[in-house]
Amino acid sequence: MPPLEDLETMLEVGSASWGWMEPILGQISFFLLCMQFARSQLQNLGVRPYFNWQRNMRAEYLVSQFPQYDAEFLRCYSKIDKIVEPHEMSD
């Protein structure tokens, strides 16, 4: 921060505070911009990382609950089965 003699007017205080906060705000803004770009590119490619992780965890849970069955078959079945049943509209 500048010495107190240089902070006599509101403009000087504003300039000093902007000079102190601008690098931090710029880095945060650039990081958010990069994350938004990465998310849009994942959507363009059809990649759904959380959904795939959730599906794999469900498959491993199913294998651990039914060890008497073939593990590979259970994993494949779990990955192709719908996670949520579709809702039917009531009349």
C-alpha atoms as a PDB file:
ATOM      1  CA  MET A   1       0.000   0.000   0.000  1.00  0.00           C
ATOM      2  CA  PRO A   2       1.197   3.536  -0.642  1.00  0.00           C
ATOM      3  CA  PRO A   3       2.080   5.819   2.281  1.00  0.00           C
ATOM      4  CA  LEU A   4      -0.718   7.756   4.003  1.00  0.00           C
ATOM      5  CA  GLU A   5       0.349  11.013   2.294  1.00  0.00           C
ATOM      6  CA  ASP A   6      -0.680   9.486  -1.058  1.00  0.00           C
ATOM      7  CA  LEU A   7      -4.163   8.479   0.181  1.00  0.00           C
ATOM      8  CA  GLU A   8      -5.720  11.889   0.714  1.00  0.00           C
ATOM      9  CA  THR A   9      -8.571  11.819  -1.825  1.00  0.00           C
ATOM     10  CA  MET A  10     -11.161   9.226  -2.738  1.00  0.00           C
ATOM     11  CA  LEU A  11      -9.576   8.851  -6.181  1.00  0.00           C
ATOM     12  CA  GLU A  12      -6.191   8.019  -4.685  1.00  0.00           C
ATOM     13  CA  VAL A  13      -7.729   5.467  -2.309  1.00  0.00           C
ATOM     14  CA  GLY A  14      -9.728   3.939  -5.176  1.00  0.00           C
ATOM     15  CA  SER A  15      -6.653   3.743  -7.365  1.00  0.00           C
ATOM     16  CA  ALA A  16      -4.613   2.103  -4.596  1.00  0.00           C
ATOM     17  CA  SER A  17      -7.312  -0.435  -3.758  1.00  0.00           C
ATOM     18  CA  TRP A  18      -7.853  -1.251  -7.444  1.00  0.00           C
ATOM     19  CA  GLY A  19      -4.130  -1.757  -7.933  1.00  0.00           C
ATOM     20  CA  TRP A  20      -4.127  -4.143  -4.971  1.00  0.00           C
ATOM     21  CA  MET A  21      -7.219  -6.201  -5.960  1.00  0.00           C
ATOM     22  CA  GLU A  22      -6.991  -6.195  -9.756  1.00  0.00           C
ATOM     23  CA  PRO A  23      -4.387  -8.988 -10.120  1.00  0.00           C
ATOM     24  CA  ILE A  24      -6.353 -11.325  -7.847  1.00  0.00           C
ATOM     25  CA  LEU A  25      -9.680 -10.582  -9.554  1.00  0.00           C
ATOM     26  CA  GLY A  26      -8.071 -10.977 -12.959  1.00  0.00           C
ATOM     27  CA  GLN A  27      -6.669 -14.400 -12.118  1.00  0.00           C
ATOM     28  CA  ILE A  28      -9.980 -15.607 -10.663  1.00  0.00           C
ATOM     29  CA  SER A  29     -11.898 -14.317 -13.685  1.00  0.00           C
ATOM     30  CA  PHE A  30      -9.471 -16.014 -16.091  1.00  0.00           C
ATOM     31  CA  PHE A  31      -9.745 -19.297 -14.150  1.00  0.00           C
ATOM     32  CA  LEU A  32     -13.567 -19.186 -14.325  1.00  0.00           C
ATOM     33  CA  LEU A  33     -13.404 -18.397 -18.044  1.00  0.00           C
ATOM     34  CA  CYS A  34     -11.122 -21.422 -18.610  1.00  0.00           C
ATOM     35  CA  MET A  35     -13.445 -23.690 -16.607  1.00  0.00           C
ATOM     36  CA  GLN A  36     -16.463 -22.525 -18.630  1.00  0.00           C
ATOM     37  CA  PHE A  37     -14.573 -23.174 -21.861  1.00  0.00           C
ATOM     38  CA  ALA A  38     -13.540 -26.652 -20.717  1.00  0.00           C
ATOM     39  CA  ARG A  39     -17.125 -27.475 -19.727  1.00  0.00           C
ATOM     40  CA  SER A  40     -18.472 -26.353 -23.091  1.00  0.00           C
ATOM     41  CA  GLN A  41     -15.869 -28.464 -24.906  1.00  0.00           C
ATOM     42  CA  LEU A  42     -16.817 -31.510 -22.810  1.00  0.00           C
ATOM     43  CA  GLN A  43     -20.460 -30.914 -23.746  1.00  0.00           C
ATOM     44  CA  ASN A  44     -19.510 -30.641 -27.433  1.00  0.00           C
ATOM     45  CA  LEU A  45     -17.726 -34.002 -27.202  1.00  0.00           C
ATOM     46  CA  GLY A  46     -20.591 -35.612 -25.296  1.00  0.00           C
ATOM     47  CA  VAL A  47     -18.389 -36.398 -22.280  1.00  0.00           C
ATOM     48  CA  ARG A  48     -20.234 -36.579 -18.974  1.00  0.00           C
ATOM     49  CA  PRO A  49     -17.600 -37.155 -16.260  1.00  0.00           C
ATOM     50  CA  TYR A  50     -19.904 -37.167 -13.216  1.00  0.00           C
ATOM     51  CA  PHE A  51     -22.452 -39.424 -14.902  1.00  0.00           C
ATOM     52  CA  ASN A  52     -19.737 -41.897 -15.924  1.00  0.00           C
ATOM     53  CA  TRP A  53     -18.281 -41.902 -12.393  1.00  0.00           C
ATOM     54  CA  GLN A  54     -21.737 -42.475 -10.913  1.00  0.00           C
ATOM     55  CA  ARG A  55     -22.412 -45.312 -13.337  1.00  0.00           C
ATOM     56  CA  ASN A  56     -19.085 -46.992 -12.513  1.00  0.00           C
ATOM     57  CA  MET A  57     -19.711 -46.662  -8.768  1.00  0.00           C
ATOM     58  CA  ARG A  58     -23.146 -48.234  -9.187  1.00  0.00           C
ATOM     59  CA  ALA A  59     -21.616 -51.114 -11.134  1.00  0.00           C
ATOM     60  CA  GLU A  60     -18.996 -51.740  -8.434  1.00  0.00           C
ATOM     61  CA  TYR A  61     -21.672 -51.606  -5.728  1.00  0.00           C
ATOM     62  CA  LEU A  62     -23.741 -54.182  -7.600  1.00  0.00           C
ATOM     63  CA  VAL A  63     -20.717 -56.481  -7.953  1.00  0.00           C
ATOM     64  CA  SER A  64     -19.980 -56.203  -4.218  1.00  0.00           C
ATOM     65  CA  GLN A  65     -23.598 -56.971  -3.299  1.00  0.00           C
ATOM     66  CA  PHE A  66     -23.855 -60.066  -5.531  1.00  0.00           C
ATOM     67  CA  PRO A  67     -20.477 -61.852  -5.504  1.00  0.00           C
ATOM     68  CA  GLN A  68     -22.061 -65.166  -6.534  1.00  0.00           C
ATOM     69  CA  TYR A  69     -22.683 -63.822 -10.067  1.00  0.00           C
ATOM     70  CA  ASP A  70     -20.186 -63.063 -12.816  1.00  0.00           C
ATOM     71  CA  ALA A  71     -18.639 -59.656 -12.071  1.00  0.00           C
ATOM     72  CA  GLU A  72     -18.150 -58.623 -15.704  1.00  0.00           C
ATOM     73  CA  PHE A  73     -21.751 -59.451 -16.577  1.00  0.00           C
ATOM     74  CA  LEU A  74     -23.035 -57.416 -13.600  1.00  0.00           C
ATOM     75  CA  ARG A  75     -20.854 -54.432 -14.542  1.00  0.00           C
ATOM     76  CA  CYS A  76     -22.092 -54.470 -18.138  1.00  0.00           C
ATOM     77  CA  TYR A  77     -25.716 -54.895 -17.076  1.00  0.00           C
ATOM     78  CA  SER A  78     -25.452 -52.064 -14.570  1.00  0.00           C
ATOM     79  CA  LYS A  79     -23.935 -49.710 -17.135  1.00  0.00           C
ATOM     80  CA  ILE A  80     -26.642 -50.256 -19.747  1.00  0.00           C
ATOM     81  CA  ASP A  81     -29.587 -50.189 -17.334  1.00  0.00           C
ATOM     82  CA  LYS A  82     -31.245 -46.812 -16.820  1.00  0.00           C
ATOM     83  CA  ILE A  83     -30.441 -45.138 -13.505  1.00  0.00           C
ATOM     84  CA  VAL A  84     -33.876 -43.537 -13.199  1.00  0.00           C
ATOM     85  CA  GLU A  85     -37.105 -44.883 -14.559  1.00  0.00           C
ATOM     86  CA  PRO A  86     -38.895 -42.475 -16.906  1.00  0.00           C
ATOM     87  CA  HIS A  87     -41.872 -40.686 -15.442  1.00  0.00           C
ATOM     88  CA  GLU A  88     -45.270 -41.337 -16.933  1.00  0.00           C
ATOM     89  CA  MET A  89     -47.679 -38.457 -17.254  1.00  0.00           C
ATOM     90  CA  SER A  90     -50.881 -39.058 -15.336  1.00  0.00           C
ATOM     91  CA  ASP A  91     -54.180 -38.133 -16.919  1.00  0.00           C
END
